[in-house]
Amino acid sequence: MSNSAQHRLAMVLNALGDNAEDVARMLQFGGWRGHPSDHHSCPVALYLRTVVTDAADAAVDSSKAVVHTVDGTAVRVDLPPAVAGFVVGFDVGAFPRLIVTATDDNGDVIDDLER
């Protein structure tokens, strides 16, 4: 894991904003929506898979981000406070516009995905 890869990942995360609300606005503007409490489909993880050009996968929790690159390297960094605040808020439903909602072919919300 190189310091330059960690620095690049930290810069990409810091670019999201100075507070949780700015992060939410940036993610919404970019169209990154996801599922609360899912490390791989958090909007921040989806953002990382898009903007880190050599990312094969990304996961985010309330304290860190991990990007696995196409060459098999795992790059891990602590989340900046603004992004960590967003993740915590997103997981408890504070940013509902960024939550993906399952719908049927008619656009009706599916309440039970097990059907």
PDB file of N, CA and C in Angstrom:
ATOM      1  N   MET A   1       0.854  -1.165   0.000  1.00  0.00           N
ATOM      2  CA  MET A   1       0.000   0.000   0.000  1.00  0.00           C
ATOM      3  C   MET A   1       0.905   1.234   0.000  1.00  0.00           C
ATOM      4  N   SER A   2       0.863   1.993  -1.049  1.00  0.00           N
ATOM      5  CA  SER A   2       1.756   3.138  -1.162  1.00  0.00           C
ATOM      6  C   SER A   2       1.148   4.374  -0.502  1.00  0.00           C
ATOM      7  N   ASN A   3       2.035   5.230  -0.036  1.00  0.00           N
ATOM      8  CA  ASN A   3       1.575   6.488   0.558  1.00  0.00           C
ATOM      9  C   ASN A   3       0.886   7.357  -0.472  1.00  0.00           C
ATOM     10  N   SER A   4       1.322   7.297  -1.739  1.00  0.00           N
ATOM     11  CA  SER A   4       0.688   8.118  -2.762  1.00  0.00           C
ATOM     12  C   SER A   4      -0.745   7.655  -3.021  1.00  0.00           C
ATOM     13  N   ALA A   5      -0.992   6.354  -2.977  1.00  0.00           N
ATOM     14  CA  ALA A   5      -2.355   5.843  -3.150  1.00  0.00           C
ATOM     15  C   ALA A   5      -3.240   6.269  -1.980  1.00  0.00           C
ATOM     16  N   GLN A   6      -2.704   6.222  -0.772  1.00  0.00           N
ATOM     17  CA  GLN A   6      -3.455   6.675   0.394  1.00  0.00           C
ATOM     18  C   GLN A   6      -3.725   8.177   0.310  1.00  0.00           C
ATOM     19  N   HIS A   7      -2.734   8.935  -0.114  1.00  0.00           N
ATOM     20  CA  HIS A   7      -2.898  10.384  -0.254  1.00  0.00           C
ATOM     21  C   HIS A   7      -3.965  10.698  -1.297  1.00  0.00           C
ATOM     22  N   ARG A   8      -3.935   9.987  -2.409  1.00  0.00           N
ATOM     23  CA  ARG A   8      -4.928  10.207  -3.474  1.00  0.00           C
ATOM     24  C   ARG A   8      -6.331   9.893  -2.966  1.00  0.00           C
ATOM     25  N   LEU A   9      -6.487   8.774  -2.247  1.00  0.00           N
ATOM     26  CA  LEU A   9      -7.790   8.408  -1.698  1.00  0.00           C
ATOM     27  C   LEU A   9      -8.268   9.447  -0.689  1.00  0.00           C
ATOM     28  N   ALA A  10      -7.379   9.916   0.162  1.00  0.00           N
ATOM     29  CA  ALA A  10      -7.749  10.946   1.138  1.00  0.00           C
ATOM     30  C   ALA A  10      -8.187  12.226   0.440  1.00  0.00           C
ATOM     31  N   MET A  11      -7.502  12.612  -0.637  1.00  0.00           N
ATOM     32  CA  MET A  11      -7.876  13.821  -1.378  1.00  0.00           C
ATOM     33  C   MET A  11      -9.256  13.683  -2.006  1.00  0.00           C
ATOM     34  N   VAL A  12      -9.537  12.512  -2.571  1.00  0.00           N
ATOM     35  CA  VAL A  12     -10.839  12.268  -3.203  1.00  0.00           C
ATOM     36  C   VAL A  12     -11.954  12.357  -2.162  1.00  0.00           C
ATOM     37  N   LEU A  13     -11.716  11.843  -0.974  1.00  0.00           N
ATOM     38  CA  LEU A  13     -12.708  11.909   0.094  1.00  0.00           C
ATOM     39  C   LEU A  13     -12.875  13.339   0.611  1.00  0.00           C
ATOM     40  N   ASN A  14     -11.782  14.049   0.780  1.00  0.00           N
ATOM     41  CA  ASN A  14     -11.857  15.442   1.256  1.00  0.00           C
ATOM     42  C   ASN A  14     -12.581  16.339   0.269  1.00  0.00           C
ATOM     43  N   ALA A  15     -12.541  15.990  -1.017  1.00  0.00           N
ATOM     44  CA  ALA A  15     -13.195  16.801  -2.047  1.00  0.00           C
ATOM     45  C   ALA A  15     -14.718  16.777  -1.926  1.00  0.00           C
ATOM     46  N   LEU A  16     -15.262  15.852  -1.133  1.00  0.00           N
ATOM     47  CA  LEU A  16     -16.712  15.753  -1.003  1.00  0.00           C
ATOM     48  C   LEU A  16     -17.333  16.907  -0.223  1.00  0.00           C
ATOM     49  N   GLY A  17     -16.573  17.560   0.631  1.00  0.00           N
ATOM     50  CA  GLY A  17     -17.146  18.694   1.351  1.00  0.00           C
ATOM     51  C   GLY A  17     -16.610  18.854   2.751  1.00  0.00           C
ATOM     52  N   ASP A  18     -17.045  19.964   3.377  1.00  0.00           N
ATOM     53  CA  ASP A  18     -16.543  20.328   4.699  1.00  0.00           C
ATOM     54  C   ASP A  18     -17.430  19.887   5.851  1.00  0.00           C
ATOM     55  N   ASN A  19     -18.633  19.417   5.533  1.00  0.00           N
ATOM     56  CA  ASN A  19     -19.536  18.920   6.574  1.00  0.00           C
ATOM     57  C   ASN A  19     -20.459  17.870   5.937  1.00  0.00           C
ATOM     58  N   ALA A  20     -21.205  17.169   6.751  1.00  0.00           N
ATOM     59  CA  ALA A  20     -22.044  16.067   6.261  1.00  0.00           C
ATOM     60  C   ALA A  20     -23.064  16.526   5.227  1.00  0.00           C
ATOM     61  N   GLU A  21     -23.616  17.715   5.410  1.00  0.00           N
ATOM     62  CA  GLU A  21     -24.619  18.227   4.476  1.00  0.00           C
ATOM     63  C   GLU A  21     -23.988  18.525   3.112  1.00  0.00           C
ATOM     64  N   ASP A  22     -22.770  19.083   3.108  1.00  0.00           N
ATOM     65  CA  ASP A  22     -22.061  19.320   1.841  1.00  0.00           C
ATOM     66  C   ASP A  22     -21.772  18.002   1.131  1.00  0.00           C
ATOM     67  N   VAL A  23     -21.366  17.008   1.906  1.00  0.00           N
ATOM     68  CA  VAL A  23     -21.094  15.684   1.328  1.00  0.00           C
ATOM     69  C   VAL A  23     -22.367  15.143   0.687  1.00  0.00           C
ATOM     70  N   ALA A  24     -23.482  15.248   1.390  1.00  0.00           N
ATOM     71  CA  ALA A  24     -24.760  14.766   0.856  1.00  0.00           C
ATOM     72  C   ALA A  24     -25.125  15.491  -0.435  1.00  0.00           C
ATOM     73  N   ARG A  25     -24.943  16.806  -0.456  1.00  0.00           N
ATOM     74  CA  ARG A  25     -25.259  17.581  -1.673  1.00  0.00           C
ATOM     75  C   ARG A  25     -24.376  17.154  -2.843  1.00  0.00           C
ATOM     76  N   MET A  26     -23.103  16.959  -2.595  1.00  0.00           N
ATOM     77  CA  MET A  26     -22.186  16.545  -3.656  1.00  0.00           C
ATOM     78  C   MET A  26     -22.561  15.169  -4.191  1.00  0.00           C
ATOM     79  N   LEU A  27     -22.873  14.244  -3.299  1.00  0.00           N
ATOM     80  CA  LEU A  27     -23.256  12.893  -3.730  1.00  0.00           C
ATOM     81  C   LEU A  27     -24.575  12.918  -4.499  1.00  0.00           C
ATOM     82  N   GLN A  28     -25.518  13.725  -4.019  1.00  0.00           N
ATOM     83  CA  GLN A  28     -26.801  13.834  -4.716  1.00  0.00           C
ATOM     84  C   GLN A  28     -26.587  14.444  -6.105  1.00  0.00           C
ATOM     85  N   PHE A  29     -25.790  15.476  -6.201  1.00  0.00           N
ATOM     86  CA  PHE A  29     -25.503  16.124  -7.476  1.00  0.00           C
ATOM     87  C   PHE A  29     -24.892  15.129  -8.461  1.00  0.00           C
ATOM     88  N   GLY A  30     -24.014  14.246  -7.959  1.00  0.00           N
ATOM     89  CA  GLY A  30     -23.362  13.259  -8.810  1.00  0.00           C
ATOM     90  C   GLY A  30     -24.210  12.031  -9.103  1.00  0.00           C
ATOM     91  N   GLY A  31     -25.356  11.911  -8.426  1.00  0.00           N
ATOM     92  CA  GLY A  31     -26.242  10.778  -8.662  1.00  0.00           C
ATOM     93  C   GLY A  31     -25.867   9.508  -7.912  1.00  0.00           C
ATOM     94  N   TRP A  32     -25.024   9.628  -6.882  1.00  0.00           N
ATOM     95  CA  TRP A  32     -24.624   8.458  -6.106  1.00  0.00           C
ATOM     96  C   TRP A  32     -25.626   8.232  -4.986  1.00  0.00           C
ATOM     97  N   ARG A  33     -26.440   7.202  -5.145  1.00  0.00           N
ATOM     98  CA  ARG A  33     -27.443   6.816  -4.145  1.00  0.00           C
ATOM     99  C   ARG A  33     -27.161   5.384  -3.730  1.00  0.00           C
ATOM    100  N   GLY A  34     -27.536   5.028  -2.522  1.00  0.00           N
ATOM    101  CA  GLY A  34     -27.228   3.677  -2.061  1.00  0.00           C
ATOM    102  C   GLY A  34     -28.146   3.187  -0.971  1.00  0.00           C
ATOM    103  N   HIS A  35     -27.653   2.175  -0.270  1.00  0.00           N
ATOM    104  CA  HIS A  35     -28.414   1.503   0.787  1.00  0.00           C
ATOM    105  C   HIS A  35     -27.756   1.757   2.135  1.00  0.00           C
ATOM    106  N   PRO A  36     -28.529   2.214   3.125  1.00  0.00           N
ATOM    107  CA  PRO A  36     -27.966   2.421   4.463  1.00  0.00           C
ATOM    108  C   PRO A  36     -27.409   1.121   5.051  1.00  0.00           C
ATOM    109  N   SER A  37     -26.370   1.271   5.831  1.00  0.00           N
ATOM    110  CA  SER A  37     -25.734   0.165   6.562  1.00  0.00           C
ATOM    111  C   SER A  37     -25.213  -0.940   5.658  1.00  0.00           C
ATOM    112  N   ASP A  38     -24.901  -0.618   4.420  1.00  0.00           N
ATOM    113  CA  ASP A  38     -24.299  -1.590   3.498  1.00  0.00           C
ATOM    114  C   ASP A  38     -22.964  -0.998   3.051  1.00  0.00           C
ATOM    115  N   HIS A  39     -21.878  -1.574   3.539  1.00  0.00           N
ATOM    116  CA  HIS A  39     -20.539  -1.028   3.308  1.00  0.00           C
ATOM    117  C   HIS A  39     -20.191  -0.870   1.831  1.00  0.00           C
ATOM    118  N   HIS A  40     -20.730  -1.747   0.992  1.00  0.00           N
ATOM    119  CA  HIS A  40     -20.378  -1.733  -0.429  1.00  0.00           C
ATOM    120  C   HIS A  40     -21.319  -0.879  -1.277  1.00  0.00           C
ATOM    121  N   SER A  41     -22.526  -0.611  -0.780  1.00  0.00           N
ATOM    122  CA  SER A  41     -23.446   0.198  -1.590  1.00  0.00           C
ATOM    123  C   SER A  41     -23.796   1.530  -0.927  1.00  0.00           C
ATOM    124  N   CYS A  42     -22.977   1.953  -0.003  1.00  0.00           N
ATOM    125  CA  CYS A  42     -23.081   3.315   0.540  1.00  0.00           C
ATOM    126  C   CYS A  42     -22.777   4.284  -0.603  1.00  0.00           C
ATOM    127  N   PRO A  43     -23.444   5.423  -0.674  1.00  0.00           N
ATOM    128  CA  PRO A  43     -23.136   6.375  -1.738  1.00  0.00           C
ATOM    129  C   PRO A  43     -21.649   6.748  -1.815  1.00  0.00           C
ATOM    130  N   VAL A  44     -20.977   6.794  -0.674  1.00  0.00           N
ATOM    131  CA  VAL A  44     -19.548   7.128  -0.684  1.00  0.00           C
ATOM    132  C   VAL A  44     -18.748   6.013  -1.355  1.00  0.00           C
ATOM    133  N   ALA A  45     -19.084   4.760  -1.078  1.00  0.00           N
ATOM    134  CA  ALA A  45     -18.393   3.639  -1.725  1.00  0.00           C
ATOM    135  C   ALA A  45     -18.635   3.664  -3.234  1.00  0.00           C
ATOM    136  N   LEU A  46     -19.860   3.966  -3.639  1.00  0.00           N
ATOM    137  CA  LEU A  46     -20.170   4.042  -5.070  1.00  0.00           C
ATOM    138  C   LEU A  46     -19.406   5.193  -5.724  1.00  0.00           C
ATOM    139  N   TYR A  47     -19.326   6.313  -5.033  1.00  0.00           N
ATOM    140  CA  TYR A  47     -18.535   7.455  -5.504  1.00  0.00           C
ATOM    141  C   TYR A  47     -17.079   7.042  -5.707  1.00  0.00           C
ATOM    142  N   LEU A  48     -16.514   6.358  -4.720  1.00  0.00           N
ATOM    143  CA  LEU A  48     -15.109   5.950  -4.817  1.00  0.00           C
ATOM    144  C   LEU A  48     -14.879   5.013  -6.002  1.00  0.00           C
ATOM    145  N   ARG A  49     -15.804   4.086  -6.235  1.00  0.00           N
ATOM    146  CA  ARG A  49     -15.641   3.178  -7.372  1.00  0.00           C
ATOM    147  C   ARG A  49     -15.694   3.929  -8.698  1.00  0.00           C
ATOM    148  N   THR A  50     -16.346   5.075  -8.710  1.00  0.00           N
ATOM    149  CA  THR A  50     -16.437   5.866  -9.936  1.00  0.00           C
ATOM    150  C   THR A  50     -15.217   6.759 -10.139  1.00  0.00           C
ATOM    151  N   VAL A  51     -14.790   7.452  -9.099  1.00  0.00           N
ATOM    152  CA  VAL A  51     -13.753   8.465  -9.274  1.00  0.00           C
ATOM    153  C   VAL A  51     -12.327   7.955  -9.097  1.00  0.00           C
ATOM    154  N   VAL A  52     -12.145   6.857  -8.410  1.00  0.00           N
ATOM    155  CA  VAL A  52     -10.811   6.255  -8.308  1.00  0.00           C
ATOM    156  C   VAL A  52     -10.684   5.320  -9.510  1.00  0.00           C
ATOM    157  N   THR A  53      -9.941   5.759 -10.486  1.00  0.00           N
ATOM    158  CA  THR A  53      -9.957   5.106 -11.800  1.00  0.00           C
ATOM    159  C   THR A  53      -9.479   3.658 -11.792  1.00  0.00           C
ATOM    160  N   ASP A  54      -8.648   3.280 -10.844  1.00  0.00           N
ATOM    161  CA  ASP A  54      -8.177   1.899 -10.814  1.00  0.00           C
ATOM    162  C   ASP A  54      -8.870   1.070  -9.724  1.00  0.00           C
ATOM    163  N   ALA A  55     -10.014   1.539  -9.244  1.00  0.00           N
ATOM    164  CA  ALA A  55     -10.750   0.824  -8.199  1.00  0.00           C
ATOM    165  C   ALA A  55     -11.527  -0.344  -8.800  1.00  0.00           C
ATOM    166  N   ALA A  56     -11.362  -1.507  -8.200  1.00  0.00           N
ATOM    167  CA  ALA A  56     -12.169  -2.664  -8.561  1.00  0.00           C
ATOM    168  C   ALA A  56     -13.341  -2.796  -7.603  1.00  0.00           C
ATOM    169  N   ASP A  57     -13.155  -2.332  -6.364  1.00  0.00           N
ATOM    170  CA  ASP A  57     -14.198  -2.395  -5.351  1.00  0.00           C
ATOM    171  C   ASP A  57     -13.877  -1.353  -4.282  1.00  0.00           C
ATOM    172  N   ALA A  58     -14.894  -0.972  -3.539  1.00  0.00           N
ATOM    173  CA  ALA A  58     -14.711  -0.026  -2.438  1.00  0.00           C
ATOM    174  C   ALA A  58     -15.739  -0.335  -1.363  1.00  0.00           C
ATOM    175  N   ALA A  59     -15.346  -0.107  -0.133  1.00  0.00           N
ATOM    176  CA  ALA A  59     -16.250  -0.281   1.006  1.00  0.00           C
ATOM    177  C   ALA A  59     -15.982   0.848   1.996  1.00  0.00           C
ATOM    178  N   VAL A  60     -17.040   1.260   2.682  1.00  0.00           N
ATOM    179  CA  VAL A  60     -16.947   2.378   3.615  1.00  0.00           C
ATOM    180  C   VAL A  60     -17.740   2.031   4.864  1.00  0.00           C
ATOM    181  N   ASP A  61     -17.165   2.321   6.027  1.00  0.00           N
ATOM    182  CA  ASP A  61     -17.947   2.265   7.255  1.00  0.00           C
ATOM    183  C   ASP A  61     -17.839   3.636   7.915  1.00  0.00           C
ATOM    184  N   SER A  62     -18.238   3.750   9.143  1.00  0.00           N
ATOM    185  CA  SER A  62     -18.293   5.073   9.779  1.00  0.00           C
ATOM    186  C   SER A  62     -16.927   5.654  10.114  1.00  0.00           C
ATOM    187  N   SER A  63     -15.864   4.890   9.935  1.00  0.00           N
ATOM    188  CA  SER A  63     -14.546   5.423  10.279  1.00  0.00           C
ATOM    189  C   SER A  63     -13.496   5.308   9.185  1.00  0.00           C
ATOM    190  N   LYS A  64     -13.691   4.410   8.216  1.00  0.00           N
ATOM    191  CA  LYS A  64     -12.647   4.219   7.207  1.00  0.00           C
ATOM    192  C   LYS A  64     -13.225   3.863   5.850  1.00  0.00           C
ATOM    193  N   ALA A  65     -12.375   4.037   4.843  1.00  0.00           N
ATOM    194  CA  ALA A  65     -12.697   3.614   3.482  1.00  0.00           C
ATOM    195  C   ALA A  65     -11.594   2.664   3.029  1.00  0.00           C
ATOM    196  N   VAL A  66     -11.992   1.635   2.309  1.00  0.00           N
ATOM    197  CA  VAL A  66     -11.041   0.694   1.738  1.00  0.00           C
ATOM    198  C   VAL A  66     -11.353   0.566   0.260  1.00  0.00           C
ATOM    199  N   VAL A  67     -10.342   0.790  -0.563  1.00  0.00           N
ATOM    200  CA  VAL A  67     -10.478   0.605  -2.004  1.00  0.00           C
ATOM    201  C   VAL A  67      -9.537  -0.517  -2.414  1.00  0.00           C
ATOM    202  N   HIS A  68     -10.090  -1.487  -3.129  1.00  0.00           N
ATOM    203  CA  HIS A  68      -9.287  -2.562  -3.707  1.00  0.00           C
ATOM    204  C   HIS A  68      -9.070  -2.201  -5.164  1.00  0.00           C
ATOM    205  N   THR A  69      -7.810  -2.095  -5.554  1.00  0.00           N
ATOM    206  CA  THR A  69      -7.497  -1.694  -6.916  1.00  0.00           C
ATOM    207  C   THR A  69      -7.453  -2.911  -7.834  1.00  0.00           C
ATOM    208  N   VAL A  70      -7.445  -2.646  -9.132  1.00  0.00           N
ATOM    209  CA  VAL A  70      -7.452  -3.732 -10.116  1.00  0.00           C
ATOM    210  C   VAL A  70      -6.198  -4.589 -10.029  1.00  0.00           C
ATOM    211  N   ASP A  71      -5.111  -4.066  -9.468  1.00  0.00           N
ATOM    212  CA  ASP A  71      -3.898  -4.876  -9.322  1.00  0.00           C
ATOM    213  C   ASP A  71      -3.876  -5.658  -8.002  1.00  0.00           C
ATOM    214  N   GLY A  72      -4.981  -5.596  -7.242  1.00  0.00           N
ATOM    215  CA  GLY A  72      -5.091  -6.370  -6.013  1.00  0.00           C
ATOM    216  C   GLY A  72      -4.648  -5.657  -4.756  1.00  0.00           C
ATOM    217  N   THR A  73      -4.252  -4.422  -4.866  1.00  0.00           N
ATOM    218  CA  THR A  73      -3.814  -3.653  -3.707  1.00  0.00           C
ATOM    219  C   THR A  73      -5.025  -3.145  -2.928  1.00  0.00           C
ATOM    220  N   ALA A  74      -4.938  -3.214  -1.600  1.00  0.00           N
ATOM    221  CA  ALA A  74      -5.968  -2.637  -0.741  1.00  0.00           C
ATOM    222  C   ALA A  74      -5.431  -1.322  -0.183  1.00  0.00           C
ATOM    223  N   VAL A  75      -6.164  -0.251  -0.426  1.00  0.00           N
ATOM    224  CA  VAL A  75      -5.786   1.074   0.075  1.00  0.00           C
ATOM    225  C   VAL A  75      -6.819   1.470   1.116  1.00  0.00           C
ATOM    226  N   ARG A  76      -6.348   1.760   2.325  1.00  0.00           N
ATOM    227  CA  ARG A  76      -7.244   2.067   3.445  1.00  0.00           C
ATOM    228  C   ARG A  76      -6.886   3.420   4.032  1.00  0.00           C
ATOM    229  N   VAL A  77      -7.908   4.239   4.277  1.00  0.00           N
ATOM    230  CA  VAL A  77      -7.693   5.534   4.935  1.00  0.00           C
ATOM    231  C   VAL A  77      -8.827   5.781   5.925  1.00  0.00           C
ATOM    232  N   ASP A  78      -8.520   6.579   6.930  1.00  0.00           N
ATOM    233  CA  ASP A  78      -9.557   7.047   7.844  1.00  0.00           C
ATOM    234  C   ASP A  78     -10.405   8.081   7.112  1.00  0.00           C
ATOM    235  N   LEU A  79     -11.708   8.065   7.371  1.00  0.00           N
ATOM    236  CA  LEU A  79     -12.587   9.052   6.746  1.00  0.00           C
ATOM    237  C   LEU A  79     -12.366  10.422   7.363  1.00  0.00           C
ATOM    238  N   PRO A  80     -12.411  11.471   6.538  1.00  0.00           N
ATOM    239  CA  PRO A  80     -12.413  12.822   7.109  1.00  0.00           C
ATOM    240  C   PRO A  80     -13.688  12.998   7.937  1.00  0.00           C
ATOM    241  N   PRO A  81     -13.677  13.871   8.927  1.00  0.00           N
ATOM    242  CA  PRO A  81     -14.849  14.045   9.791  1.00  0.00           C
ATOM    243  C   PRO A  81     -16.153  14.310   9.032  1.00  0.00           C
ATOM    244  N   ALA A  82     -16.106  15.108   7.974  1.00  0.00           N
ATOM    245  CA  ALA A  82     -17.331  15.420   7.219  1.00  0.00           C
ATOM    246  C   ALA A  82     -17.917  14.165   6.583  1.00  0.00           C
ATOM    247  N   VAL A  83     -17.072  13.335   6.012  1.00  0.00           N
ATOM    248  CA  VAL A  83     -17.547  12.112   5.354  1.00  0.00           C
ATOM    249  C   VAL A  83     -18.022  11.112   6.406  1.00  0.00           C
ATOM    250  N   ALA A  84     -17.295  10.996   7.506  1.00  0.00           N
ATOM    251  CA  ALA A  84     -17.723  10.106   8.584  1.00  0.00           C
ATOM    252  C   ALA A  84     -19.092  10.532   9.112  1.00  0.00           C
ATOM    253  N   GLY A  85     -19.285  11.835   9.271  1.00  0.00           N
ATOM    254  CA  GLY A  85     -20.577  12.341   9.721  1.00  0.00           C
ATOM    255  C   GLY A  85     -21.687  12.024   8.741  1.00  0.00           C
ATOM    256  N   PHE A  86     -21.389  12.140   7.452  1.00  0.00           N
ATOM    257  CA  PHE A  86     -22.383  11.784   6.446  1.00  0.00           C
ATOM    258  C   PHE A  86     -22.743  10.306   6.561  1.00  0.00           C
ATOM    259  N   VAL A  87     -21.746   9.427   6.641  1.00  0.00           N
ATOM    260  CA  VAL A  87     -22.005   7.982   6.686  1.00  0.00           C
ATOM    261  C   VAL A  87     -22.869   7.624   7.889  1.00  0.00           C
ATOM    262  N   VAL A  88     -22.544   8.172   9.042  1.00  0.00           N
ATOM    263  CA  VAL A  88     -23.344   7.909  10.247  1.00  0.00           C
ATOM    264  C   VAL A  88     -24.777   8.390  10.035  1.00  0.00           C
ATOM    265  N   GLY A  89     -24.925   9.604   9.524  1.00  0.00           N
ATOM    266  CA  GLY A  89     -26.261  10.143   9.271  1.00  0.00           C
ATOM    267  C   GLY A  89     -27.021   9.345   8.224  1.00  0.00           C
ATOM    268  N   PHE A  90     -26.348   8.981   7.151  1.00  0.00           N
ATOM    269  CA  PHE A  90     -26.993   8.211   6.090  1.00  0.00           C
ATOM    270  C   PHE A  90     -27.511   6.873   6.627  1.00  0.00           C
ATOM    271  N   ASP A  91     -26.701   6.218   7.446  1.00  0.00           N
ATOM    272  CA  ASP A  91     -27.093   4.912   7.979  1.00  0.00           C
ATOM    273  C   ASP A  91     -28.314   4.970   8.890  1.00  0.00           C
ATOM    274  N   VAL A  92     -28.603   6.137   9.466  1.00  0.00           N
ATOM    275  CA  VAL A  92     -29.797   6.268  10.310  1.00  0.00           C
ATOM    276  C   VAL A  92     -30.934   6.989   9.583  1.00  0.00           C
ATOM    277  N   GLY A  93     -30.765   7.217   8.276  1.00  0.00           N
ATOM    278  CA  GLY A  93     -31.847   7.778   7.475  1.00  0.00           C
ATOM    279  C   GLY A  93     -31.893   9.278   7.363  1.00  0.00           C
ATOM    280  N   ALA A  94     -30.810   9.965   7.724  1.00  0.00           N
ATOM    281  CA  ALA A  94     -30.821  11.433   7.711  1.00  0.00           C
ATOM    282  C   ALA A  94     -30.825  12.046   6.312  1.00  0.00           C
ATOM    283  N   PHE A  95     -30.479  11.267   5.298  1.00  0.00           N
ATOM    284  CA  PHE A  95     -30.423  11.797   3.937  1.00  0.00           C
ATOM    285  C   PHE A  95     -31.270  10.919   3.012  1.00  0.00           C
ATOM    286  N   PRO A  96     -32.595  10.988   3.173  1.00  0.00           N
ATOM    287  CA  PRO A  96     -33.482  10.059   2.448  1.00  0.00           C
ATOM    288  C   PRO A  96     -33.410  10.175   0.920  1.00  0.00           C
ATOM    289  N   ARG A  97     -33.034  11.329   0.405  1.00  0.00           N
ATOM    290  CA  ARG A  97     -32.949  11.475  -1.061  1.00  0.00           C
ATOM    291  C   ARG A  97     -31.821  10.646  -1.659  1.00  0.00           C
ATOM    292  N   LEU A  98     -30.904  10.189  -0.808  1.00  0.00           N
ATOM    293  CA  LEU A  98     -29.783   9.394  -1.297  1.00  0.00           C
ATOM    294  C   LEU A  98     -29.993   7.901  -1.094  1.00  0.00           C
ATOM    295  N   ILE A  99     -31.156   7.528  -0.567  1.00  0.00           N
ATOM    296  CA  ILE A  99     -31.458   6.112  -0.343  1.00  0.00           C
ATOM    297  C   ILE A  99     -32.149   5.549  -1.578  1.00  0.00           C
ATOM    298  N   VAL A 100     -31.616   4.454  -2.083  1.00  0.00           N
ATOM    299  CA  VAL A 100     -32.229   3.760  -3.215  1.00  0.00           C
ATOM    300  C   VAL A 100     -33.471   3.051  -2.704  1.00  0.00           C
ATOM    301  N   THR A 101     -34.574   3.232  -3.404  1.00  0.00           N
ATOM    302  CA  THR A 101     -35.824   2.573  -3.048  1.00  0.00           C
ATOM    303  C   THR A 101     -36.187   1.605  -4.165  1.00  0.00           C
ATOM    304  N   ALA A 102     -36.445   0.367  -3.803  1.00  0.00           N
ATOM    305  CA  ALA A 102     -36.834  -0.633  -4.792  1.00  0.00           C
ATOM    306  C   ALA A 102     -38.263  -0.384  -5.246  1.00  0.00           C
ATOM    307  N   THR A 103     -38.472  -0.415  -6.555  1.00  0.00           N
ATOM    308  CA  THR A 103     -39.812  -0.238  -7.112  1.00  0.00           C
ATOM    309  C   THR A 103     -40.107  -1.345  -8.107  1.00  0.00           C
ATOM    310  N   ASP A 104     -41.404  -1.582  -8.342  1.00  0.00           N
ATOM    311  CA  ASP A 104     -41.796  -2.574  -9.340  1.00  0.00           C
ATOM    312  C   ASP A 104     -41.871  -1.909 -10.714  1.00  0.00           C
ATOM    313  N   ASP A 105     -42.330  -2.640 -11.718  1.00  0.00           N
ATOM    314  CA  ASP A 105     -42.388  -2.120 -13.087  1.00  0.00           C
ATOM    315  C   ASP A 105     -43.313  -0.911 -13.233  1.00  0.00           C
ATOM    316  N   ASN A 106     -44.252  -0.750 -12.302  1.00  0.00           N
ATOM    317  CA  ASN A 106     -45.176   0.388 -12.341  1.00  0.00           C
ATOM    318  C   ASN A 106     -44.652   1.592 -11.568  1.00  0.00           C
ATOM    319  N   GLY A 107     -43.481   1.441 -10.933  1.00  0.00           N
ATOM    320  CA  GLY A 107     -42.930   2.526 -10.137  1.00  0.00           C
ATOM    321  C   GLY A 107     -43.414   2.545  -8.712  1.00  0.00           C
ATOM    322  N   ASP A 108     -44.170   1.511  -8.312  1.00  0.00           N
ATOM    323  CA  ASP A 108     -44.650   1.425  -6.936  1.00  0.00           C
ATOM    324  C   ASP A 108     -43.548   0.866  -6.040  1.00  0.00           C
ATOM    325  N   VAL A 109     -43.433   1.417  -4.833  1.00  0.00           N
ATOM    326  CA  VAL A 109     -42.415   0.975  -3.889  1.00  0.00           C
ATOM    327  C   VAL A 109     -42.686  -0.464  -3.463  1.00  0.00           C
ATOM    328  N   ILE A 110     -41.643  -1.269  -3.468  1.00  0.00           N
ATOM    329  CA  ILE A 110     -41.739  -2.652  -3.015  1.00  0.00           C
ATOM    330  C   ILE A 110     -41.370  -2.660  -1.541  1.00  0.00           C
ATOM    331  N   ASP A 111     -42.337  -3.003  -0.708  1.00  0.00           N
ATOM    332  CA  ASP A 111     -42.089  -3.015   0.737  1.00  0.00           C
ATOM    333  C   ASP A 111     -41.370  -4.276   1.185  1.00  0.00           C
ATOM    334  N   ASP A 112     -41.616  -5.388   0.525  1.00  0.00           N
ATOM    335  CA  ASP A 112     -41.041  -6.670   0.926  1.00  0.00           C
ATOM    336  C   ASP A 112     -40.283  -7.249  -0.256  1.00  0.00           C
ATOM    337  N   LEU A 113     -38.959  -7.193  -0.183  1.00  0.00           N
ATOM    338  CA  LEU A 113     -38.134  -7.697  -1.291  1.00  0.00           C
ATOM    339  C   LEU A 113     -38.071  -9.207  -1.343  1.00  0.00           C
ATOM    340  N   GLU A 114     -38.608  -9.890  -0.334  1.00  0.00           N
ATOM    341  CA  GLU A 114     -38.560 -11.355  -0.297  1.00  0.00           C
ATOM    342  C   GLU A 114     -39.636 -11.997  -1.156  1.00  0.00           C
ATOM    343  N   ARG A 115     -40.587 -11.245  -1.641  1.00  0.00           N
ATOM    344  CA  ARG A 115     -41.693 -11.816  -2.416  1.00  0.00           C
ATOM    345  C   ARG A 115     -41.233 -12.383  -3.717  1.00  0.00           C
TER     346      ARG A 115
END
